[in-house]
Amino acid sequence: MDDTREVDLKSRDYLTLASRTERRNLLIASFTSIVIVQTGLLPTKISALGIELSPSNQSAFFVLLASLVVYFWIGFILYSVSDYLRYKSEVIDTSRERFRPYLRSVTGPRDEKTNDDKALKELYPSRSLNRLASFVYRMRIIFDFVLPVVLGIWATIILINHW
């Protein structure tokens, strides 16, 4: 197997549509909550729904927003961790497929259940394209996963502190 398969795995979109939807909803709910709390732009009346928010209802509004953010946060964590595990499994399988013939030629036939991880780590070639793909992959993890999680935590904390 060539290096391009591994680079393709690292550069593809590893989040499914469900994860992307949860991520989007988490970002919208978190950003809206942060803007409302930081700017004090709490609506006193939602005329489209015929709702007026008294001071006691405003507190309930913050509880509702915090609950919404936590709900989307949990949903995003569950979906994205599942996607990550599936992706990581594919990367490991690709590495094993790539080096299995070489390992057999060097060490002789091995039992399929034998753990080749240590040997694979020693034999893995260092290539600039693979390093670049790994760097981009790590940056995407920060952008796709860490940023929404941190924003959701921040929004939840300021909402809880504000009510």
N, C-alpha and C. Protein backbone atom coordinates (compact mmCIF):
# COMPACT_ATOMS: atom_id res chain seq x y z
N MET A 1 0.86 -1.18 0.00
CA MET A 1 0.00 0.00 0.00
C MET A 1 0.90 1.23 0.00
N ASP A 2 0.57 2.25 -0.76
CA ASP A 2 1.42 3.41 -0.87
C ASP A 2 1.06 4.49 0.15
N ASP A 3 1.92 5.52 0.20
CA ASP A 3 1.72 6.61 1.16
C ASP A 3 0.46 7.41 0.89
N THR A 4 -0.02 7.41 -0.34
CA THR A 4 -1.18 8.25 -0.67
C THR A 4 -2.43 7.79 0.08
N ARG A 5 -2.58 6.50 0.32
CA ARG A 5 -3.75 6.00 1.06
C ARG A 5 -3.77 6.58 2.48
N GLU A 6 -2.59 6.61 3.10
CA GLU A 6 -2.52 7.15 4.45
C GLU A 6 -2.77 8.66 4.46
N VAL A 7 -2.21 9.36 3.49
CA VAL A 7 -2.44 10.81 3.39
C VAL A 7 -3.91 11.08 3.12
N ASP A 8 -4.53 10.27 2.26
CA ASP A 8 -5.96 10.42 1.98
C ASP A 8 -6.78 10.26 3.26
N LEU A 9 -6.44 9.29 4.07
CA LEU A 9 -7.17 9.08 5.32
C LEU A 9 -7.03 10.29 6.25
N LYS A 10 -5.81 10.82 6.34
CA LYS A 10 -5.58 11.94 7.25
C LYS A 10 -6.18 13.24 6.76
N SER A 11 -6.37 13.37 5.45
CA SER A 11 -6.86 14.63 4.92
C SER A 11 -8.36 14.63 4.63
N ARG A 12 -9.02 13.52 4.79
CA ARG A 12 -10.46 13.48 4.50
C ARG A 12 -11.27 14.02 5.68
N ASP A 13 -12.52 14.26 5.43
CA ASP A 13 -13.42 14.76 6.46
C ASP A 13 -13.87 13.58 7.31
N TYR A 14 -13.41 13.51 8.53
CA TYR A 14 -13.70 12.37 9.39
C TYR A 14 -14.99 12.53 10.18
N LEU A 15 -15.61 13.71 10.16
CA LEU A 15 -16.87 13.90 10.87
C LEU A 15 -18.04 13.60 9.92
N THR A 16 -19.00 12.85 10.41
CA THR A 16 -20.18 12.53 9.62
C THR A 16 -21.14 13.72 9.62
N LEU A 17 -22.18 13.62 8.81
CA LEU A 17 -23.18 14.68 8.75
C LEU A 17 -23.84 14.90 10.11
N ALA A 18 -24.09 13.84 10.85
CA ALA A 18 -24.70 13.98 12.18
C ALA A 18 -23.79 14.77 13.11
N SER A 19 -22.49 14.49 13.08
CA SER A 19 -21.54 15.22 13.92
C SER A 19 -21.45 16.68 13.50
N ARG A 20 -21.42 16.91 12.20
CA ARG A 20 -21.35 18.29 11.70
C ARG A 20 -22.60 19.09 12.11
N THR A 21 -23.76 18.44 12.06
CA THR A 21 -25.00 19.11 12.46
C THR A 21 -24.96 19.45 13.95
N GLU A 22 -24.54 18.50 14.77
CA GLU A 22 -24.42 18.77 16.21
C GLU A 22 -23.40 19.87 16.49
N ARG A 23 -22.31 19.86 15.74
CA ARG A 23 -21.27 20.88 15.90
C ARG A 23 -21.83 22.26 15.56
N ARG A 24 -22.54 22.34 14.44
CA ARG A 24 -23.13 23.61 14.04
C ARG A 24 -24.11 24.11 15.09
N ASN A 25 -24.98 23.23 15.57
CA ASN A 25 -25.96 23.63 16.58
C ASN A 25 -25.28 24.07 17.88
N LEU A 26 -24.23 23.36 18.27
CA LEU A 26 -23.48 23.73 19.47
C LEU A 26 -22.85 25.10 19.30
N LEU A 27 -22.24 25.35 18.14
CA LEU A 27 -21.61 26.65 17.90
C LEU A 27 -22.63 27.78 17.90
N ILE A 28 -23.77 27.57 17.26
CA ILE A 28 -24.81 28.61 17.22
C ILE A 28 -25.35 28.88 18.62
N ALA A 29 -25.70 27.83 19.35
CA ALA A 29 -26.25 28.01 20.70
C ALA A 29 -25.23 28.65 21.63
N SER A 30 -23.98 28.22 21.54
CA SER A 30 -22.93 28.77 22.41
C SER A 30 -22.67 30.24 22.08
N PHE A 31 -22.51 30.54 20.81
CA PHE A 31 -22.22 31.91 20.40
C PHE A 31 -23.37 32.84 20.78
N THR A 32 -24.59 32.41 20.51
CA THR A 32 -25.76 33.23 20.86
C THR A 32 -25.83 33.47 22.36
N SER A 33 -25.57 32.44 23.15
CA SER A 33 -25.60 32.57 24.61
C SER A 33 -24.53 33.53 25.10
N ILE A 34 -23.34 33.41 24.55
CA ILE A 34 -22.25 34.30 24.95
C ILE A 34 -22.57 35.74 24.60
N VAL A 35 -23.10 35.97 23.41
CA VAL A 35 -23.47 37.33 23.00
C VAL A 35 -24.54 37.90 23.91
N ILE A 36 -25.56 37.11 24.23
CA ILE A 36 -26.65 37.58 25.09
C ILE A 36 -26.11 37.97 26.47
N VAL A 37 -25.27 37.14 27.05
CA VAL A 37 -24.76 37.43 28.40
C VAL A 37 -23.75 38.57 28.38
N GLN A 38 -22.81 38.55 27.46
CA GLN A 38 -21.74 39.55 27.44
C GLN A 38 -22.24 40.94 27.06
N THR A 39 -23.25 41.02 26.21
CA THR A 39 -23.74 42.34 25.79
C THR A 39 -24.98 42.78 26.56
N GLY A 40 -25.58 41.87 27.30
CA GLY A 40 -26.80 42.20 28.03
C GLY A 40 -28.01 42.34 27.12
N LEU A 41 -27.97 41.75 25.98
CA LEU A 41 -29.07 41.84 25.01
C LEU A 41 -30.13 40.77 25.27
N LEU A 42 -30.60 40.70 26.49
CA LEU A 42 -31.63 39.74 26.82
C LEU A 42 -32.97 40.29 26.37
N PRO A 43 -33.68 39.54 25.55
CA PRO A 43 -34.99 40.03 25.09
C PRO A 43 -35.99 40.05 26.25
N THR A 44 -36.79 41.11 26.29
CA THR A 44 -37.84 41.18 27.31
C THR A 44 -39.17 40.73 26.73
N LYS A 45 -39.23 40.69 25.41
CA LYS A 45 -40.46 40.27 24.75
C LYS A 45 -40.12 39.58 23.43
N ILE A 46 -40.74 38.43 23.22
CA ILE A 46 -40.60 37.72 21.95
C ILE A 46 -41.97 37.76 21.31
N SER A 47 -42.20 38.81 20.51
CA SER A 47 -43.53 39.07 19.98
C SER A 47 -44.01 37.99 19.02
N ALA A 48 -43.12 37.35 18.30
CA ALA A 48 -43.52 36.31 17.36
C ALA A 48 -44.18 35.14 18.08
N LEU A 49 -43.76 34.89 19.32
CA LEU A 49 -44.34 33.80 20.11
C LEU A 49 -45.32 34.30 21.16
N GLY A 50 -45.43 35.62 21.29
CA GLY A 50 -46.33 36.19 22.29
C GLY A 50 -45.84 35.98 23.72
N ILE A 51 -44.53 36.00 23.91
CA ILE A 51 -43.95 35.75 25.23
C ILE A 51 -43.32 37.03 25.76
N GLU A 52 -43.63 37.36 27.02
CA GLU A 52 -42.96 38.45 27.71
C GLU A 52 -42.13 37.88 28.84
N LEU A 53 -40.88 38.33 28.92
CA LEU A 53 -39.97 37.80 29.92
C LEU A 53 -39.85 38.75 31.10
N SER A 54 -40.49 38.41 32.20
CA SER A 54 -40.31 39.18 33.43
C SER A 54 -38.95 38.80 34.02
N PRO A 55 -38.49 39.52 35.04
CA PRO A 55 -37.18 39.17 35.63
C PRO A 55 -37.08 37.71 36.08
N SER A 56 -38.15 37.15 36.63
CA SER A 56 -38.08 35.74 37.03
C SER A 56 -38.06 34.82 35.81
N ASN A 57 -38.75 35.22 34.75
CA ASN A 57 -38.72 34.44 33.51
C ASN A 57 -37.38 34.55 32.80
N GLN A 58 -36.71 35.68 33.01
CA GLN A 58 -35.39 35.85 32.40
C GLN A 58 -34.41 34.83 32.98
N SER A 59 -34.53 34.55 34.27
CA SER A 59 -33.69 33.54 34.91
C SER A 59 -33.97 32.17 34.29
N ALA A 60 -35.24 31.88 34.07
CA ALA A 60 -35.62 30.62 33.44
C ALA A 60 -35.09 30.56 32.00
N PHE A 61 -35.04 31.71 31.34
CA PHE A 61 -34.51 31.79 29.98
C PHE A 61 -33.03 31.38 29.96
N PHE A 62 -32.27 31.83 30.96
CA PHE A 62 -30.86 31.44 31.05
C PHE A 62 -30.71 29.95 31.33
N VAL A 63 -31.59 29.41 32.16
CA VAL A 63 -31.56 27.97 32.43
C VAL A 63 -31.84 27.21 31.14
N LEU A 64 -32.82 27.67 30.38
CA LEU A 64 -33.16 27.03 29.12
C LEU A 64 -31.99 27.09 28.13
N LEU A 65 -31.35 28.25 28.03
CA LEU A 65 -30.20 28.38 27.14
C LEU A 65 -29.06 27.47 27.58
N ALA A 66 -28.77 27.44 28.88
CA ALA A 66 -27.70 26.58 29.39
C ALA A 66 -28.02 25.11 29.10
N SER A 67 -29.28 24.72 29.29
CA SER A 67 -29.68 23.34 29.01
C SER A 67 -29.51 23.01 27.53
N LEU A 68 -29.85 23.95 26.69
CA LEU A 68 -29.71 23.76 25.25
C LEU A 68 -28.24 23.58 24.86
N VAL A 69 -27.38 24.42 25.41
CA VAL A 69 -25.95 24.32 25.12
C VAL A 69 -25.40 22.98 25.61
N VAL A 70 -25.77 22.57 26.81
CA VAL A 70 -25.29 21.29 27.35
C VAL A 70 -25.80 20.13 26.50
N TYR A 71 -27.04 20.19 26.08
CA TYR A 71 -27.60 19.14 25.22
C TYR A 71 -26.80 19.00 23.93
N PHE A 72 -26.55 20.13 23.24
CA PHE A 72 -25.78 20.08 22.00
C PHE A 72 -24.33 19.67 22.26
N TRP A 73 -23.78 20.08 23.40
CA TRP A 73 -22.41 19.72 23.76
C TRP A 73 -22.29 18.20 23.92
N ILE A 74 -23.20 17.60 24.66
CA ILE A 74 -23.18 16.15 24.86
C ILE A 74 -23.39 15.42 23.54
N GLY A 75 -24.34 15.89 22.74
CA GLY A 75 -24.59 15.27 21.44
C GLY A 75 -23.37 15.33 20.54
N PHE A 76 -22.71 16.47 20.52
CA PHE A 76 -21.52 16.61 19.69
C PHE A 76 -20.39 15.70 20.17
N ILE A 77 -20.19 15.64 21.47
CA ILE A 77 -19.15 14.76 22.03
C ILE A 77 -19.41 13.31 21.63
N LEU A 78 -20.65 12.85 21.81
CA LEU A 78 -20.98 11.45 21.51
C LEU A 78 -20.76 11.12 20.04
N TYR A 79 -21.30 11.95 19.16
CA TYR A 79 -21.17 11.68 17.73
C TYR A 79 -19.72 11.80 17.24
N SER A 80 -19.02 12.82 17.68
CA SER A 80 -17.67 13.03 17.16
C SER A 80 -16.68 12.01 17.70
N VAL A 81 -16.83 11.58 18.95
CA VAL A 81 -15.94 10.55 19.47
C VAL A 81 -16.16 9.25 18.71
N SER A 82 -17.40 8.94 18.41
CA SER A 82 -17.70 7.75 17.61
C SER A 82 -17.05 7.85 16.24
N ASP A 83 -17.14 9.00 15.60
CA ASP A 83 -16.51 9.21 14.29
C ASP A 83 -14.99 9.09 14.39
N TYR A 84 -14.43 9.65 15.45
CA TYR A 84 -12.98 9.60 15.63
C TYR A 84 -12.50 8.16 15.80
N LEU A 85 -13.21 7.38 16.60
CA LEU A 85 -12.82 5.99 16.81
C LEU A 85 -12.88 5.19 15.52
N ARG A 86 -13.92 5.42 14.71
CA ARG A 86 -14.03 4.75 13.43
C ARG A 86 -12.87 5.14 12.51
N TYR A 87 -12.56 6.43 12.48
CA TYR A 87 -11.46 6.93 11.66
C TYR A 87 -10.12 6.34 12.11
N LYS A 88 -9.87 6.36 13.42
CA LYS A 88 -8.61 5.87 13.95
C LYS A 88 -8.44 4.38 13.65
N SER A 89 -9.52 3.63 13.71
CA SER A 89 -9.48 2.21 13.39
C SER A 89 -9.06 2.00 11.93
N GLU A 90 -9.56 2.84 11.03
CA GLU A 90 -9.17 2.74 9.62
C GLU A 90 -7.69 3.05 9.42
N VAL A 91 -7.18 4.05 10.15
CA VAL A 91 -5.77 4.40 10.04
C VAL A 91 -4.90 3.24 10.52
N ILE A 92 -5.26 2.64 11.64
CA ILE A 92 -4.49 1.51 12.18
C ILE A 92 -4.54 0.33 11.21
N ASP A 93 -5.72 0.04 10.68
CA ASP A 93 -5.84 -1.07 9.72
C ASP A 93 -4.99 -0.82 8.47
N THR A 94 -4.97 0.42 8.01
CA THR A 94 -4.18 0.77 6.83
C THR A 94 -2.69 0.57 7.11
N SER A 95 -2.24 0.99 8.28
CA SER A 95 -0.83 0.81 8.64
C SER A 95 -0.47 -0.67 8.73
N ARG A 96 -1.32 -1.44 9.33
CA ARG A 96 -1.04 -2.88 9.46
C ARG A 96 -1.01 -3.56 8.09
N GLU A 97 -1.96 -3.20 7.22
CA GLU A 97 -1.97 -3.78 5.88
C GLU A 97 -0.69 -3.43 5.12
N ARG A 98 -0.25 -2.22 5.32
CA ARG A 98 0.92 -1.73 4.60
C ARG A 98 2.19 -2.48 4.99
N PHE A 99 2.33 -2.75 6.28
CA PHE A 99 3.58 -3.32 6.76
C PHE A 99 3.54 -4.83 7.01
N ARG A 100 2.40 -5.44 6.92
CA ARG A 100 2.31 -6.87 7.18
C ARG A 100 3.22 -7.69 6.24
N PRO A 101 3.24 -7.43 4.92
CA PRO A 101 4.14 -8.21 4.06
C PRO A 101 5.62 -8.03 4.45
N TYR A 102 5.99 -6.82 4.80
CA TYR A 102 7.38 -6.58 5.19
C TYR A 102 7.72 -7.32 6.48
N LEU A 103 6.84 -7.25 7.44
CA LEU A 103 7.08 -7.94 8.71
C LEU A 103 7.23 -9.44 8.51
N ARG A 104 6.40 -9.99 7.66
CA ARG A 104 6.48 -11.43 7.40
C ARG A 104 7.78 -11.80 6.70
N SER A 105 8.25 -10.93 5.80
CA SER A 105 9.51 -11.23 5.11
C SER A 105 10.70 -11.14 6.05
N VAL A 106 10.64 -10.27 7.04
CA VAL A 106 11.74 -10.09 7.97
C VAL A 106 11.68 -11.10 9.11
N THR A 107 10.51 -11.30 9.67
CA THR A 107 10.39 -12.13 10.87
C THR A 107 9.80 -13.50 10.61
N GLY A 108 9.38 -13.77 9.41
CA GLY A 108 8.74 -15.04 9.11
C GLY A 108 7.26 -14.94 9.37
N PRO A 109 6.52 -16.00 9.04
CA PRO A 109 5.08 -15.97 9.25
C PRO A 109 4.75 -15.75 10.73
N ARG A 110 3.75 -14.95 10.96
CA ARG A 110 3.33 -14.65 12.33
C ARG A 110 1.85 -14.94 12.47
N ASP A 111 1.49 -15.23 13.66
CA ASP A 111 0.09 -15.45 13.97
C ASP A 111 -0.65 -14.14 13.76
N GLU A 112 -1.84 -14.17 13.14
CA GLU A 112 -2.62 -12.96 12.86
C GLU A 112 -2.96 -12.20 14.13
N LYS A 113 -3.06 -12.90 15.26
CA LYS A 113 -3.45 -12.26 16.51
C LYS A 113 -2.28 -11.60 17.22
N THR A 114 -1.06 -11.77 16.69
CA THR A 114 0.11 -11.20 17.32
C THR A 114 0.06 -9.68 17.20
N ASN A 115 0.44 -9.01 18.26
CA ASN A 115 0.41 -7.56 18.27
C ASN A 115 1.67 -7.03 17.58
N ASP A 116 1.51 -6.42 16.42
CA ASP A 116 2.64 -5.91 15.65
C ASP A 116 2.86 -4.41 15.86
N ASP A 117 2.18 -3.81 16.81
CA ASP A 117 2.25 -2.36 16.96
C ASP A 117 3.67 -1.85 17.16
N LYS A 118 4.45 -2.51 18.02
CA LYS A 118 5.80 -2.04 18.28
C LYS A 118 6.65 -2.11 17.02
N ALA A 119 6.55 -3.21 16.30
CA ALA A 119 7.31 -3.35 15.06
C ALA A 119 6.87 -2.33 14.03
N LEU A 120 5.57 -2.06 13.97
CA LEU A 120 5.07 -1.08 13.01
C LEU A 120 5.62 0.31 13.31
N LYS A 121 5.68 0.67 14.58
CA LYS A 121 6.19 1.99 14.95
C LYS A 121 7.66 2.13 14.55
N GLU A 122 8.42 1.06 14.69
CA GLU A 122 9.84 1.11 14.33
C GLU A 122 10.05 1.18 12.82
N LEU A 123 9.14 0.59 12.05
CA LEU A 123 9.32 0.50 10.61
C LEU A 123 8.65 1.62 9.83
N TYR A 124 7.85 2.42 10.48
CA TYR A 124 7.06 3.43 9.78
C TYR A 124 7.96 4.48 9.15
N PRO A 125 7.85 4.71 7.85
CA PRO A 125 8.73 5.68 7.20
C PRO A 125 8.32 7.12 7.52
N SER A 126 9.29 7.98 7.58
CA SER A 126 9.04 9.39 7.84
C SER A 126 9.04 10.12 6.51
N ARG A 127 7.92 10.64 6.10
CA ARG A 127 7.79 11.33 4.83
C ARG A 127 7.20 12.71 5.07
N SER A 128 7.68 13.69 4.29
CA SER A 128 7.22 15.07 4.49
C SER A 128 5.73 15.22 4.18
N LEU A 129 5.24 14.53 3.18
CA LEU A 129 3.81 14.61 2.86
C LEU A 129 2.97 14.05 4.00
N ASN A 130 3.41 12.95 4.56
CA ASN A 130 2.70 12.35 5.68
C ASN A 130 2.74 13.27 6.90
N ARG A 131 3.87 13.93 7.12
CA ARG A 131 3.98 14.87 8.25
C ARG A 131 3.04 16.06 8.05
N LEU A 132 2.98 16.57 6.83
CA LEU A 132 2.08 17.68 6.55
C LEU A 132 0.62 17.26 6.76
N ALA A 133 0.27 16.08 6.27
CA ALA A 133 -1.09 15.58 6.46
C ALA A 133 -1.39 15.40 7.95
N SER A 134 -0.40 14.95 8.72
CA SER A 134 -0.60 14.80 10.17
C SER A 134 -0.80 16.16 10.83
N PHE A 135 -0.03 17.16 10.41
CA PHE A 135 -0.18 18.51 10.96
C PHE A 135 -1.56 19.07 10.66
N VAL A 136 -1.99 18.95 9.40
CA VAL A 136 -3.32 19.44 9.01
C VAL A 136 -4.40 18.70 9.79
N TYR A 137 -4.23 17.41 9.96
CA TYR A 137 -5.17 16.59 10.72
C TYR A 137 -5.29 17.10 12.16
N ARG A 138 -4.16 17.41 12.78
CA ARG A 138 -4.19 17.92 14.16
C ARG A 138 -4.85 19.30 14.24
N MET A 139 -4.59 20.14 13.27
CA MET A 139 -5.22 21.47 13.25
C MET A 139 -6.73 21.33 13.07
N ARG A 140 -7.15 20.37 12.24
CA ARG A 140 -8.59 20.14 12.05
C ARG A 140 -9.23 19.61 13.31
N ILE A 141 -8.52 18.80 14.07
CA ILE A 141 -9.06 18.33 15.34
C ILE A 141 -9.30 19.51 16.26
N ILE A 142 -8.35 20.45 16.30
CA ILE A 142 -8.52 21.64 17.14
C ILE A 142 -9.72 22.45 16.65
N PHE A 143 -9.79 22.67 15.34
CA PHE A 143 -10.87 23.48 14.79
C PHE A 143 -12.22 22.78 14.85
N ASP A 144 -12.26 21.51 14.48
CA ASP A 144 -13.53 20.78 14.41
C ASP A 144 -14.02 20.26 15.76
N PHE A 145 -13.11 19.97 16.67
CA PHE A 145 -13.52 19.33 17.91
C PHE A 145 -13.26 20.19 19.14
N VAL A 146 -12.04 20.63 19.34
CA VAL A 146 -11.68 21.35 20.56
C VAL A 146 -12.39 22.70 20.65
N LEU A 147 -12.38 23.46 19.58
CA LEU A 147 -13.00 24.80 19.59
C LEU A 147 -14.48 24.75 19.98
N PRO A 148 -15.31 23.91 19.35
CA PRO A 148 -16.71 23.87 19.75
C PRO A 148 -16.91 23.41 21.21
N VAL A 149 -16.10 22.46 21.65
CA VAL A 149 -16.22 21.98 23.03
C VAL A 149 -15.88 23.09 24.01
N VAL A 150 -14.79 23.80 23.77
CA VAL A 150 -14.38 24.90 24.65
C VAL A 150 -15.42 26.01 24.63
N LEU A 151 -15.92 26.35 23.45
CA LEU A 151 -16.95 27.39 23.35
C LEU A 151 -18.22 26.98 24.10
N GLY A 152 -18.60 25.72 24.00
CA GLY A 152 -19.77 25.22 24.72
C GLY A 152 -19.58 25.27 26.23
N ILE A 153 -18.40 24.91 26.69
CA ILE A 153 -18.11 24.98 28.13
C ILE A 153 -18.14 26.43 28.61
N TRP A 154 -17.53 27.31 27.84
CA TRP A 154 -17.52 28.73 28.20
C TRP A 154 -18.94 29.28 28.27
N ALA A 155 -19.74 28.98 27.26
CA ALA A 155 -21.13 29.47 27.24
C ALA A 155 -21.91 28.94 28.43
N THR A 156 -21.73 27.67 28.75
CA THR A 156 -22.44 27.08 29.89
C THR A 156 -22.02 27.76 31.19
N ILE A 157 -20.74 28.00 31.38
CA ILE A 157 -20.25 28.63 32.60
C ILE A 157 -20.80 30.04 32.75
N ILE A 158 -20.76 30.84 31.70
CA ILE A 158 -21.25 32.21 31.85
C ILE A 158 -22.76 32.26 32.01
N LEU A 159 -23.48 31.31 31.42
CA LEU A 159 -24.92 31.25 31.62
C LEU A 159 -25.26 30.87 33.06
N ILE A 160 -24.54 29.90 33.60
CA ILE A 160 -24.79 29.50 35.00
C ILE A 160 -24.43 30.63 35.95
N ASN A 161 -23.35 31.33 35.68
CA ASN A 161 -22.95 32.46 36.54
C ASN A 161 -23.91 33.64 36.43
N HIS A 162 -24.60 33.75 35.31
CA HIS A 162 -25.47 34.89 35.09
C HIS A 162 -26.87 34.72 35.68
N TRP A 163 -27.37 33.49 35.77
CA TRP A 163 -28.72 33.32 36.28
C TRP A 163 -28.64 33.40 37.76
